[in-house]
Amino acid sequence: DVKGRFTIARDNTKNILYLQMNSLK
């Protein structure tokens, strides 16, 4: 349960994991 600049999500139908990274440093 990550909060902050990064968000993780998984598409189980496609077996894909995403990492959305915002406000990168």
PDBML (XML) file of the C-alpha atoms, coordinates in Angstrom:
<?xml version="1.0" encoding="UTF-8" ?>
<PDBx:datablock datablockName="MODEL"
   xmlns:PDBx="http://pdbml.pdb.org/schema/pdbx-v50.xsd"
   xmlns:xsi="http://www.w3.org/2001/XMLSchema-instance"
   xsi:schemaLocation="http://pdbml.pdb.org/schema/pdbx-v50.xsd pdbx-v50.xsd">
   <PDBx:atom_siteCategory>
      <PDBx:atom_site id="1">
         <PDBx:B_iso_or_equiv>0.00</PDBx:B_iso_or_equiv>
         <PDBx:Cartn_x>0.000</PDBx:Cartn_x>
         <PDBx:Cartn_y>0.000</PDBx:Cartn_y>
         <PDBx:Cartn_z>0.000</PDBx:Cartn_z>
         <PDBx:auth_asym_id>A</PDBx:auth_asym_id>
         <PDBx:auth_atom_id>CA</PDBx:auth_atom_id>
         <PDBx:auth_comp_id>ASP</PDBx:auth_comp_id>
         <PDBx:auth_seq_id>1</PDBx:auth_seq_id>
         <PDBx:group_PDB>ATOM</PDBx:group_PDB>
         <PDBx:label_alt_id xsi:nil="true" />
         <PDBx:label_asym_id>A</PDBx:label_asym_id>
         <PDBx:label_atom_id>CA</PDBx:label_atom_id>
         <PDBx:label_comp_id>ASP</PDBx:label_comp_id>
         <PDBx:label_entity_id>1</PDBx:label_entity_id>
         <PDBx:label_seq_id>1</PDBx:label_seq_id>
         <PDBx:occupancy>1.00</PDBx:occupancy>
         <PDBx:pdbx_PDB_model_num>1</PDBx:pdbx_PDB_model_num>
         <PDBx:type_symbol>C</PDBx:type_symbol>
      </PDBx:atom_site>
      <PDBx:atom_site id="2">
         <PDBx:B_iso_or_equiv>0.00</PDBx:B_iso_or_equiv>
         <PDBx:Cartn_x>2.462</PDBx:Cartn_x>
         <PDBx:Cartn_y>2.564</PDBx:Cartn_y>
         <PDBx:Cartn_z>-1.279</PDBx:Cartn_z>
         <PDBx:auth_asym_id>A</PDBx:auth_asym_id>
         <PDBx:auth_atom_id>CA</PDBx:auth_atom_id>
         <PDBx:auth_comp_id>VAL</PDBx:auth_comp_id>
         <PDBx:auth_seq_id>2</PDBx:auth_seq_id>
         <PDBx:group_PDB>ATOM</PDBx:group_PDB>
         <PDBx:label_alt_id xsi:nil="true" />
         <PDBx:label_asym_id>A</PDBx:label_asym_id>
         <PDBx:label_atom_id>CA</PDBx:label_atom_id>
         <PDBx:label_comp_id>VAL</PDBx:label_comp_id>
         <PDBx:label_entity_id>1</PDBx:label_entity_id>
         <PDBx:label_seq_id>2</PDBx:label_seq_id>
         <PDBx:occupancy>1.00</PDBx:occupancy>
         <PDBx:pdbx_PDB_model_num>1</PDBx:pdbx_PDB_model_num>
         <PDBx:type_symbol>C</PDBx:type_symbol>
      </PDBx:atom_site>
      <PDBx:atom_site id="3">
         <PDBx:B_iso_or_equiv>0.00</PDBx:B_iso_or_equiv>
         <PDBx:Cartn_x>1.675</PDBx:Cartn_x>
         <PDBx:Cartn_y>6.218</PDBx:Cartn_y>
         <PDBx:Cartn_z>-1.075</PDBx:Cartn_z>
         <PDBx:auth_asym_id>A</PDBx:auth_asym_id>
         <PDBx:auth_atom_id>CA</PDBx:auth_atom_id>
         <PDBx:auth_comp_id>LYS</PDBx:auth_comp_id>
         <PDBx:auth_seq_id>3</PDBx:auth_seq_id>
         <PDBx:group_PDB>ATOM</PDBx:group_PDB>
         <PDBx:label_alt_id xsi:nil="true" />
         <PDBx:label_asym_id>A</PDBx:label_asym_id>
         <PDBx:label_atom_id>CA</PDBx:label_atom_id>
         <PDBx:label_comp_id>LYS</PDBx:label_comp_id>
         <PDBx:label_entity_id>1</PDBx:label_entity_id>
         <PDBx:label_seq_id>3</PDBx:label_seq_id>
         <PDBx:occupancy>1.00</PDBx:occupancy>
         <PDBx:pdbx_PDB_model_num>1</PDBx:pdbx_PDB_model_num>
         <PDBx:type_symbol>C</PDBx:type_symbol>
      </PDBx:atom_site>
      <PDBx:atom_site id="4">
         <PDBx:B_iso_or_equiv>0.00</PDBx:B_iso_or_equiv>
         <PDBx:Cartn_x>3.740</PDBx:Cartn_x>
         <PDBx:Cartn_y>8.992</PDBx:Cartn_y>
         <PDBx:Cartn_z>-2.473</PDBx:Cartn_z>
         <PDBx:auth_asym_id>A</PDBx:auth_asym_id>
         <PDBx:auth_atom_id>CA</PDBx:auth_atom_id>
         <PDBx:auth_comp_id>GLY</PDBx:auth_comp_id>
         <PDBx:auth_seq_id>4</PDBx:auth_seq_id>
         <PDBx:group_PDB>ATOM</PDBx:group_PDB>
         <PDBx:label_alt_id xsi:nil="true" />
         <PDBx:label_asym_id>A</PDBx:label_asym_id>
         <PDBx:label_atom_id>CA</PDBx:label_atom_id>
         <PDBx:label_comp_id>GLY</PDBx:label_comp_id>
         <PDBx:label_entity_id>1</PDBx:label_entity_id>
         <PDBx:label_seq_id>4</PDBx:label_seq_id>
         <PDBx:occupancy>1.00</PDBx:occupancy>
         <PDBx:pdbx_PDB_model_num>1</PDBx:pdbx_PDB_model_num>
         <PDBx:type_symbol>C</PDBx:type_symbol>
      </PDBx:atom_site>
      <PDBx:atom_site id="5">
         <PDBx:B_iso_or_equiv>0.00</PDBx:B_iso_or_equiv>
         <PDBx:Cartn_x>5.397</PDBx:Cartn_x>
         <PDBx:Cartn_y>9.641</PDBx:Cartn_y>
         <PDBx:Cartn_z>-5.779</PDBx:Cartn_z>
         <PDBx:auth_asym_id>A</PDBx:auth_asym_id>
         <PDBx:auth_atom_id>CA</PDBx:auth_atom_id>
         <PDBx:auth_comp_id>ARG</PDBx:auth_comp_id>
         <PDBx:auth_seq_id>5</PDBx:auth_seq_id>
         <PDBx:group_PDB>ATOM</PDBx:group_PDB>
         <PDBx:label_alt_id xsi:nil="true" />
         <PDBx:label_asym_id>A</PDBx:label_asym_id>
         <PDBx:label_atom_id>CA</PDBx:label_atom_id>
         <PDBx:label_comp_id>ARG</PDBx:label_comp_id>
         <PDBx:label_entity_id>1</PDBx:label_entity_id>
         <PDBx:label_seq_id>5</PDBx:label_seq_id>
         <PDBx:occupancy>1.00</PDBx:occupancy>
         <PDBx:pdbx_PDB_model_num>1</PDBx:pdbx_PDB_model_num>
         <PDBx:type_symbol>C</PDBx:type_symbol>
      </PDBx:atom_site>
      <PDBx:atom_site id="6">
         <PDBx:B_iso_or_equiv>0.00</PDBx:B_iso_or_equiv>
         <PDBx:Cartn_x>5.351</PDBx:Cartn_x>
         <PDBx:Cartn_y>6.060</PDBx:Cartn_y>
         <PDBx:Cartn_z>-7.077</PDBx:Cartn_z>
         <PDBx:auth_asym_id>A</PDBx:auth_asym_id>
         <PDBx:auth_atom_id>CA</PDBx:auth_atom_id>
         <PDBx:auth_comp_id>PHE</PDBx:auth_comp_id>
         <PDBx:auth_seq_id>6</PDBx:auth_seq_id>
         <PDBx:group_PDB>ATOM</PDBx:group_PDB>
         <PDBx:label_alt_id xsi:nil="true" />
         <PDBx:label_asym_id>A</PDBx:label_asym_id>
         <PDBx:label_atom_id>CA</PDBx:label_atom_id>
         <PDBx:label_comp_id>PHE</PDBx:label_comp_id>
         <PDBx:label_entity_id>1</PDBx:label_entity_id>
         <PDBx:label_seq_id>6</PDBx:label_seq_id>
         <PDBx:occupancy>1.00</PDBx:occupancy>
         <PDBx:pdbx_PDB_model_num>1</PDBx:pdbx_PDB_model_num>
         <PDBx:type_symbol>C</PDBx:type_symbol>
      </PDBx:atom_site>
      <PDBx:atom_site id="7">
         <PDBx:B_iso_or_equiv>0.00</PDBx:B_iso_or_equiv>
         <PDBx:Cartn_x>2.308</PDBx:Cartn_x>
         <PDBx:Cartn_y>3.934</PDBx:Cartn_y>
         <PDBx:Cartn_z>-7.831</PDBx:Cartn_z>
         <PDBx:auth_asym_id>A</PDBx:auth_asym_id>
         <PDBx:auth_atom_id>CA</PDBx:auth_atom_id>
         <PDBx:auth_comp_id>THR</PDBx:auth_comp_id>
         <PDBx:auth_seq_id>7</PDBx:auth_seq_id>
         <PDBx:group_PDB>ATOM</PDBx:group_PDB>
         <PDBx:label_alt_id xsi:nil="true" />
         <PDBx:label_asym_id>A</PDBx:label_asym_id>
         <PDBx:label_atom_id>CA</PDBx:label_atom_id>
         <PDBx:label_comp_id>THR</PDBx:label_comp_id>
         <PDBx:label_entity_id>1</PDBx:label_entity_id>
         <PDBx:label_seq_id>7</PDBx:label_seq_id>
         <PDBx:occupancy>1.00</PDBx:occupancy>
         <PDBx:pdbx_PDB_model_num>1</PDBx:pdbx_PDB_model_num>
         <PDBx:type_symbol>C</PDBx:type_symbol>
      </PDBx:atom_site>
      <PDBx:atom_site id="8">
         <PDBx:B_iso_or_equiv>0.00</PDBx:B_iso_or_equiv>
         <PDBx:Cartn_x>2.372</PDBx:Cartn_x>
         <PDBx:Cartn_y>0.231</PDBx:Cartn_y>
         <PDBx:Cartn_z>-8.634</PDBx:Cartn_z>
         <PDBx:auth_asym_id>A</PDBx:auth_asym_id>
         <PDBx:auth_atom_id>CA</PDBx:auth_atom_id>
         <PDBx:auth_comp_id>ILE</PDBx:auth_comp_id>
         <PDBx:auth_seq_id>8</PDBx:auth_seq_id>
         <PDBx:group_PDB>ATOM</PDBx:group_PDB>
         <PDBx:label_alt_id xsi:nil="true" />
         <PDBx:label_asym_id>A</PDBx:label_asym_id>
         <PDBx:label_atom_id>CA</PDBx:label_atom_id>
         <PDBx:label_comp_id>ILE</PDBx:label_comp_id>
         <PDBx:label_entity_id>1</PDBx:label_entity_id>
         <PDBx:label_seq_id>8</PDBx:label_seq_id>
         <PDBx:occupancy>1.00</PDBx:occupancy>
         <PDBx:pdbx_PDB_model_num>1</PDBx:pdbx_PDB_model_num>
         <PDBx:type_symbol>C</PDBx:type_symbol>
      </PDBx:atom_site>
      <PDBx:atom_site id="9">
         <PDBx:B_iso_or_equiv>0.00</PDBx:B_iso_or_equiv>
         <PDBx:Cartn_x>-0.350</PDBx:Cartn_x>
         <PDBx:Cartn_y>-1.593</PDBx:Cartn_y>
         <PDBx:Cartn_z>-10.525</PDBx:Cartn_z>
         <PDBx:auth_asym_id>A</PDBx:auth_asym_id>
         <PDBx:auth_atom_id>CA</PDBx:auth_atom_id>
         <PDBx:auth_comp_id>ALA</PDBx:auth_comp_id>
         <PDBx:auth_seq_id>9</PDBx:auth_seq_id>
         <PDBx:group_PDB>ATOM</PDBx:group_PDB>
         <PDBx:label_alt_id xsi:nil="true" />
         <PDBx:label_asym_id>A</PDBx:label_asym_id>
         <PDBx:label_atom_id>CA</PDBx:label_atom_id>
         <PDBx:label_comp_id>ALA</PDBx:label_comp_id>
         <PDBx:label_entity_id>1</PDBx:label_entity_id>
         <PDBx:label_seq_id>9</PDBx:label_seq_id>
         <PDBx:occupancy>1.00</PDBx:occupancy>
         <PDBx:pdbx_PDB_model_num>1</PDBx:pdbx_PDB_model_num>
         <PDBx:type_symbol>C</PDBx:type_symbol>
      </PDBx:atom_site>
      <PDBx:atom_site id="10">
         <PDBx:B_iso_or_equiv>0.00</PDBx:B_iso_or_equiv>
         <PDBx:Cartn_x>-0.739</PDBx:Cartn_x>
         <PDBx:Cartn_y>-5.056</PDBx:Cartn_y>
         <PDBx:Cartn_z>-11.980</PDBx:Cartn_z>
         <PDBx:auth_asym_id>A</PDBx:auth_asym_id>
         <PDBx:auth_atom_id>CA</PDBx:auth_atom_id>
         <PDBx:auth_comp_id>ARG</PDBx:auth_comp_id>
         <PDBx:auth_seq_id>10</PDBx:auth_seq_id>
         <PDBx:group_PDB>ATOM</PDBx:group_PDB>
         <PDBx:label_alt_id xsi:nil="true" />
         <PDBx:label_asym_id>A</PDBx:label_asym_id>
         <PDBx:label_atom_id>CA</PDBx:label_atom_id>
         <PDBx:label_comp_id>ARG</PDBx:label_comp_id>
         <PDBx:label_entity_id>1</PDBx:label_entity_id>
         <PDBx:label_seq_id>10</PDBx:label_seq_id>
         <PDBx:occupancy>1.00</PDBx:occupancy>
         <PDBx:pdbx_PDB_model_num>1</PDBx:pdbx_PDB_model_num>
         <PDBx:type_symbol>C</PDBx:type_symbol>
      </PDBx:atom_site>
      <PDBx:atom_site id="11">
         <PDBx:B_iso_or_equiv>0.00</PDBx:B_iso_or_equiv>
         <PDBx:Cartn_x>-2.850</PDBx:Cartn_x>
         <PDBx:Cartn_y>-6.136</PDBx:Cartn_y>
         <PDBx:Cartn_z>-14.929</PDBx:Cartn_z>
         <PDBx:auth_asym_id>A</PDBx:auth_asym_id>
         <PDBx:auth_atom_id>CA</PDBx:auth_atom_id>
         <PDBx:auth_comp_id>ASP</PDBx:auth_comp_id>
         <PDBx:auth_seq_id>11</PDBx:auth_seq_id>
         <PDBx:group_PDB>ATOM</PDBx:group_PDB>
         <PDBx:label_alt_id xsi:nil="true" />
         <PDBx:label_asym_id>A</PDBx:label_asym_id>
         <PDBx:label_atom_id>CA</PDBx:label_atom_id>
         <PDBx:label_comp_id>ASP</PDBx:label_comp_id>
         <PDBx:label_entity_id>1</PDBx:label_entity_id>
         <PDBx:label_seq_id>11</PDBx:label_seq_id>
         <PDBx:occupancy>1.00</PDBx:occupancy>
         <PDBx:pdbx_PDB_model_num>1</PDBx:pdbx_PDB_model_num>
         <PDBx:type_symbol>C</PDBx:type_symbol>
      </PDBx:atom_site>
      <PDBx:atom_site id="12">
         <PDBx:B_iso_or_equiv>0.00</PDBx:B_iso_or_equiv>
         <PDBx:Cartn_x>-3.620</PDBx:Cartn_x>
         <PDBx:Cartn_y>-9.758</PDBx:Cartn_y>
         <PDBx:Cartn_z>-14.174</PDBx:Cartn_z>
         <PDBx:auth_asym_id>A</PDBx:auth_asym_id>
         <PDBx:auth_atom_id>CA</PDBx:auth_atom_id>
         <PDBx:auth_comp_id>ASN</PDBx:auth_comp_id>
         <PDBx:auth_seq_id>12</PDBx:auth_seq_id>
         <PDBx:group_PDB>ATOM</PDBx:group_PDB>
         <PDBx:label_alt_id xsi:nil="true" />
         <PDBx:label_asym_id>A</PDBx:label_asym_id>
         <PDBx:label_atom_id>CA</PDBx:label_atom_id>
         <PDBx:label_comp_id>ASN</PDBx:label_comp_id>
         <PDBx:label_entity_id>1</PDBx:label_entity_id>
         <PDBx:label_seq_id>12</PDBx:label_seq_id>
         <PDBx:occupancy>1.00</PDBx:occupancy>
         <PDBx:pdbx_PDB_model_num>1</PDBx:pdbx_PDB_model_num>
         <PDBx:type_symbol>C</PDBx:type_symbol>
      </PDBx:atom_site>
      <PDBx:atom_site id="13">
         <PDBx:B_iso_or_equiv>0.00</PDBx:B_iso_or_equiv>
         <PDBx:Cartn_x>-5.230</PDBx:Cartn_x>
         <PDBx:Cartn_y>-10.394</PDBx:Cartn_y>
         <PDBx:Cartn_z>-17.549</PDBx:Cartn_z>
         <PDBx:auth_asym_id>A</PDBx:auth_asym_id>
         <PDBx:auth_atom_id>CA</PDBx:auth_atom_id>
         <PDBx:auth_comp_id>THR</PDBx:auth_comp_id>
         <PDBx:auth_seq_id>13</PDBx:auth_seq_id>
         <PDBx:group_PDB>ATOM</PDBx:group_PDB>
         <PDBx:label_alt_id xsi:nil="true" />
         <PDBx:label_asym_id>A</PDBx:label_asym_id>
         <PDBx:label_atom_id>CA</PDBx:label_atom_id>
         <PDBx:label_comp_id>THR</PDBx:label_comp_id>
         <PDBx:label_entity_id>1</PDBx:label_entity_id>
         <PDBx:label_seq_id>13</PDBx:label_seq_id>
         <PDBx:occupancy>1.00</PDBx:occupancy>
         <PDBx:pdbx_PDB_model_num>1</PDBx:pdbx_PDB_model_num>
         <PDBx:type_symbol>C</PDBx:type_symbol>
      </PDBx:atom_site>
      <PDBx:atom_site id="14">
         <PDBx:B_iso_or_equiv>0.00</PDBx:B_iso_or_equiv>
         <PDBx:Cartn_x>-2.042</PDBx:Cartn_x>
         <PDBx:Cartn_y>-9.450</PDBx:Cartn_y>
         <PDBx:Cartn_z>-19.386</PDBx:Cartn_z>
         <PDBx:auth_asym_id>A</PDBx:auth_asym_id>
         <PDBx:auth_atom_id>CA</PDBx:auth_atom_id>
         <PDBx:auth_comp_id>LYS</PDBx:auth_comp_id>
         <PDBx:auth_seq_id>14</PDBx:auth_seq_id>
         <PDBx:group_PDB>ATOM</PDBx:group_PDB>
         <PDBx:label_alt_id xsi:nil="true" />
         <PDBx:label_asym_id>A</PDBx:label_asym_id>
         <PDBx:label_atom_id>CA</PDBx:label_atom_id>
         <PDBx:label_comp_id>LYS</PDBx:label_comp_id>
         <PDBx:label_entity_id>1</PDBx:label_entity_id>
         <PDBx:label_seq_id>14</PDBx:label_seq_id>
         <PDBx:occupancy>1.00</PDBx:occupancy>
         <PDBx:pdbx_PDB_model_num>1</PDBx:pdbx_PDB_model_num>
         <PDBx:type_symbol>C</PDBx:type_symbol>
      </PDBx:atom_site>
      <PDBx:atom_site id="15">
         <PDBx:B_iso_or_equiv>0.00</PDBx:B_iso_or_equiv>
         <PDBx:Cartn_x>0.525</PDBx:Cartn_x>
         <PDBx:Cartn_y>-10.417</PDBx:Cartn_y>
         <PDBx:Cartn_z>-16.724</PDBx:Cartn_z>
         <PDBx:auth_asym_id>A</PDBx:auth_asym_id>
         <PDBx:auth_atom_id>CA</PDBx:auth_atom_id>
         <PDBx:auth_comp_id>ASN</PDBx:auth_comp_id>
         <PDBx:auth_seq_id>15</PDBx:auth_seq_id>
         <PDBx:group_PDB>ATOM</PDBx:group_PDB>
         <PDBx:label_alt_id xsi:nil="true" />
         <PDBx:label_asym_id>A</PDBx:label_asym_id>
         <PDBx:label_atom_id>CA</PDBx:label_atom_id>
         <PDBx:label_comp_id>ASN</PDBx:label_comp_id>
         <PDBx:label_entity_id>1</PDBx:label_entity_id>
         <PDBx:label_seq_id>15</PDBx:label_seq_id>
         <PDBx:occupancy>1.00</PDBx:occupancy>
         <PDBx:pdbx_PDB_model_num>1</PDBx:pdbx_PDB_model_num>
         <PDBx:type_symbol>C</PDBx:type_symbol>
      </PDBx:atom_site>
      <PDBx:atom_site id="16">
         <PDBx:B_iso_or_equiv>0.00</PDBx:B_iso_or_equiv>
         <PDBx:Cartn_x>1.958</PDBx:Cartn_x>
         <PDBx:Cartn_y>-6.909</PDBx:Cartn_y>
         <PDBx:Cartn_z>-16.765</PDBx:Cartn_z>
         <PDBx:auth_asym_id>A</PDBx:auth_asym_id>
         <PDBx:auth_atom_id>CA</PDBx:auth_atom_id>
         <PDBx:auth_comp_id>ILE</PDBx:auth_comp_id>
         <PDBx:auth_seq_id>16</PDBx:auth_seq_id>
         <PDBx:group_PDB>ATOM</PDBx:group_PDB>
         <PDBx:label_alt_id xsi:nil="true" />
         <PDBx:label_asym_id>A</PDBx:label_asym_id>
         <PDBx:label_atom_id>CA</PDBx:label_atom_id>
         <PDBx:label_comp_id>ILE</PDBx:label_comp_id>
         <PDBx:label_entity_id>1</PDBx:label_entity_id>
         <PDBx:label_seq_id>16</PDBx:label_seq_id>
         <PDBx:occupancy>1.00</PDBx:occupancy>
         <PDBx:pdbx_PDB_model_num>1</PDBx:pdbx_PDB_model_num>
         <PDBx:type_symbol>C</PDBx:type_symbol>
      </PDBx:atom_site>
      <PDBx:atom_site id="17">
         <PDBx:B_iso_or_equiv>0.00</PDBx:B_iso_or_equiv>
         <PDBx:Cartn_x>3.242</PDBx:Cartn_x>
         <PDBx:Cartn_y>-4.927</PDBx:Cartn_y>
         <PDBx:Cartn_z>-13.806</PDBx:Cartn_z>
         <PDBx:auth_asym_id>A</PDBx:auth_asym_id>
         <PDBx:auth_atom_id>CA</PDBx:auth_atom_id>
         <PDBx:auth_comp_id>LEU</PDBx:auth_comp_id>
         <PDBx:auth_seq_id>17</PDBx:auth_seq_id>
         <PDBx:group_PDB>ATOM</PDBx:group_PDB>
         <PDBx:label_alt_id xsi:nil="true" />
         <PDBx:label_asym_id>A</PDBx:label_asym_id>
         <PDBx:label_atom_id>CA</PDBx:label_atom_id>
         <PDBx:label_comp_id>LEU</PDBx:label_comp_id>
         <PDBx:label_entity_id>1</PDBx:label_entity_id>
         <PDBx:label_seq_id>17</PDBx:label_seq_id>
         <PDBx:occupancy>1.00</PDBx:occupancy>
         <PDBx:pdbx_PDB_model_num>1</PDBx:pdbx_PDB_model_num>
         <PDBx:type_symbol>C</PDBx:type_symbol>
      </PDBx:atom_site>
      <PDBx:atom_site id="18">
         <PDBx:B_iso_or_equiv>0.00</PDBx:B_iso_or_equiv>
         <PDBx:Cartn_x>3.456</PDBx:Cartn_x>
         <PDBx:Cartn_y>-1.157</PDBx:Cartn_y>
         <PDBx:Cartn_z>-14.006</PDBx:Cartn_z>
         <PDBx:auth_asym_id>A</PDBx:auth_asym_id>
         <PDBx:auth_atom_id>CA</PDBx:auth_atom_id>
         <PDBx:auth_comp_id>TYR</PDBx:auth_comp_id>
         <PDBx:auth_seq_id>18</PDBx:auth_seq_id>
         <PDBx:group_PDB>ATOM</PDBx:group_PDB>
         <PDBx:label_alt_id xsi:nil="true" />
         <PDBx:label_asym_id>A</PDBx:label_asym_id>
         <PDBx:label_atom_id>CA</PDBx:label_atom_id>
         <PDBx:label_comp_id>TYR</PDBx:label_comp_id>
         <PDBx:label_entity_id>1</PDBx:label_entity_id>
         <PDBx:label_seq_id>18</PDBx:label_seq_id>
         <PDBx:occupancy>1.00</PDBx:occupancy>
         <PDBx:pdbx_PDB_model_num>1</PDBx:pdbx_PDB_model_num>
         <PDBx:type_symbol>C</PDBx:type_symbol>
      </PDBx:atom_site>
      <PDBx:atom_site id="19">
         <PDBx:B_iso_or_equiv>0.00</PDBx:B_iso_or_equiv>
         <PDBx:Cartn_x>5.334</PDBx:Cartn_x>
         <PDBx:Cartn_y>1.423</PDBx:Cartn_y>
         <PDBx:Cartn_z>-12.008</PDBx:Cartn_z>
         <PDBx:auth_asym_id>A</PDBx:auth_asym_id>
         <PDBx:auth_atom_id>CA</PDBx:auth_atom_id>
         <PDBx:auth_comp_id>LEU</PDBx:auth_comp_id>
         <PDBx:auth_seq_id>19</PDBx:auth_seq_id>
         <PDBx:group_PDB>ATOM</PDBx:group_PDB>
         <PDBx:label_alt_id xsi:nil="true" />
         <PDBx:label_asym_id>A</PDBx:label_asym_id>
         <PDBx:label_atom_id>CA</PDBx:label_atom_id>
         <PDBx:label_comp_id>LEU</PDBx:label_comp_id>
         <PDBx:label_entity_id>1</PDBx:label_entity_id>
         <PDBx:label_seq_id>19</PDBx:label_seq_id>
         <PDBx:occupancy>1.00</PDBx:occupancy>
         <PDBx:pdbx_PDB_model_num>1</PDBx:pdbx_PDB_model_num>
         <PDBx:type_symbol>C</PDBx:type_symbol>
      </PDBx:atom_site>
      <PDBx:atom_site id="20">
         <PDBx:B_iso_or_equiv>0.00</PDBx:B_iso_or_equiv>
         <PDBx:Cartn_x>4.119</PDBx:Cartn_x>
         <PDBx:Cartn_y>4.980</PDBx:Cartn_y>
         <PDBx:Cartn_z>-12.421</PDBx:Cartn_z>
         <PDBx:auth_asym_id>A</PDBx:auth_asym_id>
         <PDBx:auth_atom_id>CA</PDBx:auth_atom_id>
         <PDBx:auth_comp_id>GLN</PDBx:auth_comp_id>
         <PDBx:auth_seq_id>20</PDBx:auth_seq_id>
         <PDBx:group_PDB>ATOM</PDBx:group_PDB>
         <PDBx:label_alt_id xsi:nil="true" />
         <PDBx:label_asym_id>A</PDBx:label_asym_id>
         <PDBx:label_atom_id>CA</PDBx:label_atom_id>
         <PDBx:label_comp_id>GLN</PDBx:label_comp_id>
         <PDBx:label_entity_id>1</PDBx:label_entity_id>
         <PDBx:label_seq_id>20</PDBx:label_seq_id>
         <PDBx:occupancy>1.00</PDBx:occupancy>
         <PDBx:pdbx_PDB_model_num>1</PDBx:pdbx_PDB_model_num>
         <PDBx:type_symbol>C</PDBx:type_symbol>
      </PDBx:atom_site>
      <PDBx:atom_site id="21">
         <PDBx:B_iso_or_equiv>0.00</PDBx:B_iso_or_equiv>
         <PDBx:Cartn_x>6.781</PDBx:Cartn_x>
         <PDBx:Cartn_y>7.372</PDBx:Cartn_y>
         <PDBx:Cartn_z>-11.207</PDBx:Cartn_z>
         <PDBx:auth_asym_id>A</PDBx:auth_asym_id>
         <PDBx:auth_atom_id>CA</PDBx:auth_atom_id>
         <PDBx:auth_comp_id>MET</PDBx:auth_comp_id>
         <PDBx:auth_seq_id>21</PDBx:auth_seq_id>
         <PDBx:group_PDB>ATOM</PDBx:group_PDB>
         <PDBx:label_alt_id xsi:nil="true" />
         <PDBx:label_asym_id>A</PDBx:label_asym_id>
         <PDBx:label_atom_id>CA</PDBx:label_atom_id>
         <PDBx:label_comp_id>MET</PDBx:label_comp_id>
         <PDBx:label_entity_id>1</PDBx:label_entity_id>
         <PDBx:label_seq_id>21</PDBx:label_seq_id>
         <PDBx:occupancy>1.00</PDBx:occupancy>
         <PDBx:pdbx_PDB_model_num>1</PDBx:pdbx_PDB_model_num>
         <PDBx:type_symbol>C</PDBx:type_symbol>
      </PDBx:atom_site>
      <PDBx:atom_site id="22">
         <PDBx:B_iso_or_equiv>0.00</PDBx:B_iso_or_equiv>
         <PDBx:Cartn_x>5.904</PDBx:Cartn_x>
         <PDBx:Cartn_y>11.032</PDBx:Cartn_y>
         <PDBx:Cartn_z>-10.719</PDBx:Cartn_z>
         <PDBx:auth_asym_id>A</PDBx:auth_asym_id>
         <PDBx:auth_atom_id>CA</PDBx:auth_atom_id>
         <PDBx:auth_comp_id>ASN</PDBx:auth_comp_id>
         <PDBx:auth_seq_id>22</PDBx:auth_seq_id>
         <PDBx:group_PDB>ATOM</PDBx:group_PDB>
         <PDBx:label_alt_id xsi:nil="true" />
         <PDBx:label_asym_id>A</PDBx:label_asym_id>
         <PDBx:label_atom_id>CA</PDBx:label_atom_id>
         <PDBx:label_comp_id>ASN</PDBx:label_comp_id>
         <PDBx:label_entity_id>1</PDBx:label_entity_id>
         <PDBx:label_seq_id>22</PDBx:label_seq_id>
         <PDBx:occupancy>1.00</PDBx:occupancy>
         <PDBx:pdbx_PDB_model_num>1</PDBx:pdbx_PDB_model_num>
         <PDBx:type_symbol>C</PDBx:type_symbol>
      </PDBx:atom_site>
      <PDBx:atom_site id="23">
         <PDBx:B_iso_or_equiv>0.00</PDBx:B_iso_or_equiv>
         <PDBx:Cartn_x>7.861</PDBx:Cartn_x>
         <PDBx:Cartn_y>14.041</PDBx:Cartn_y>
         <PDBx:Cartn_z>-9.485</PDBx:Cartn_z>
         <PDBx:auth_asym_id>A</PDBx:auth_asym_id>
         <PDBx:auth_atom_id>CA</PDBx:auth_atom_id>
         <PDBx:auth_comp_id>SER</PDBx:auth_comp_id>
         <PDBx:auth_seq_id>23</PDBx:auth_seq_id>
         <PDBx:group_PDB>ATOM</PDBx:group_PDB>
         <PDBx:label_alt_id xsi:nil="true" />
         <PDBx:label_asym_id>A</PDBx:label_asym_id>
         <PDBx:label_atom_id>CA</PDBx:label_atom_id>
         <PDBx:label_comp_id>SER</PDBx:label_comp_id>
         <PDBx:label_entity_id>1</PDBx:label_entity_id>
         <PDBx:label_seq_id>23</PDBx:label_seq_id>
         <PDBx:occupancy>1.00</PDBx:occupancy>
         <PDBx:pdbx_PDB_model_num>1</PDBx:pdbx_PDB_model_num>
         <PDBx:type_symbol>C</PDBx:type_symbol>
      </PDBx:atom_site>
      <PDBx:atom_site id="24">
         <PDBx:B_iso_or_equiv>0.00</PDBx:B_iso_or_equiv>
         <PDBx:Cartn_x>11.089</PDBx:Cartn_x>
         <PDBx:Cartn_y>12.271</PDBx:Cartn_y>
         <PDBx:Cartn_z>-10.248</PDBx:Cartn_z>
         <PDBx:auth_asym_id>A</PDBx:auth_asym_id>
         <PDBx:auth_atom_id>CA</PDBx:auth_atom_id>
         <PDBx:auth_comp_id>LEU</PDBx:auth_comp_id>
         <PDBx:auth_seq_id>24</PDBx:auth_seq_id>
         <PDBx:group_PDB>ATOM</PDBx:group_PDB>
         <PDBx:label_alt_id xsi:nil="true" />
         <PDBx:label_asym_id>A</PDBx:label_asym_id>
         <PDBx:label_atom_id>CA</PDBx:label_atom_id>
         <PDBx:label_comp_id>LEU</PDBx:label_comp_id>
         <PDBx:label_entity_id>1</PDBx:label_entity_id>
         <PDBx:label_seq_id>24</PDBx:label_seq_id>
         <PDBx:occupancy>1.00</PDBx:occupancy>
         <PDBx:pdbx_PDB_model_num>1</PDBx:pdbx_PDB_model_num>
         <PDBx:type_symbol>C</PDBx:type_symbol>
      </PDBx:atom_site>
      <PDBx:atom_site id="25">
         <PDBx:B_iso_or_equiv>0.00</PDBx:B_iso_or_equiv>
         <PDBx:Cartn_x>14.277</PDBx:Cartn_x>
         <PDBx:Cartn_y>13.357</PDBx:Cartn_y>
         <PDBx:Cartn_z>-8.518</PDBx:Cartn_z>
         <PDBx:auth_asym_id>A</PDBx:auth_asym_id>
         <PDBx:auth_atom_id>CA</PDBx:auth_atom_id>
         <PDBx:auth_comp_id>LYS</PDBx:auth_comp_id>
         <PDBx:auth_seq_id>25</PDBx:auth_seq_id>
         <PDBx:group_PDB>ATOM</PDBx:group_PDB>
         <PDBx:label_alt_id xsi:nil="true" />
         <PDBx:label_asym_id>A</PDBx:label_asym_id>
         <PDBx:label_atom_id>CA</PDBx:label_atom_id>
         <PDBx:label_comp_id>LYS</PDBx:label_comp_id>
         <PDBx:label_entity_id>1</PDBx:label_entity_id>
         <PDBx:label_seq_id>25</PDBx:label_seq_id>
         <PDBx:occupancy>1.00</PDBx:occupancy>
         <PDBx:pdbx_PDB_model_num>1</PDBx:pdbx_PDB_model_num>
         <PDBx:type_symbol>C</PDBx:type_symbol>
      </PDBx:atom_site>
   </PDBx:atom_siteCategory>
</PDBx:datablock>
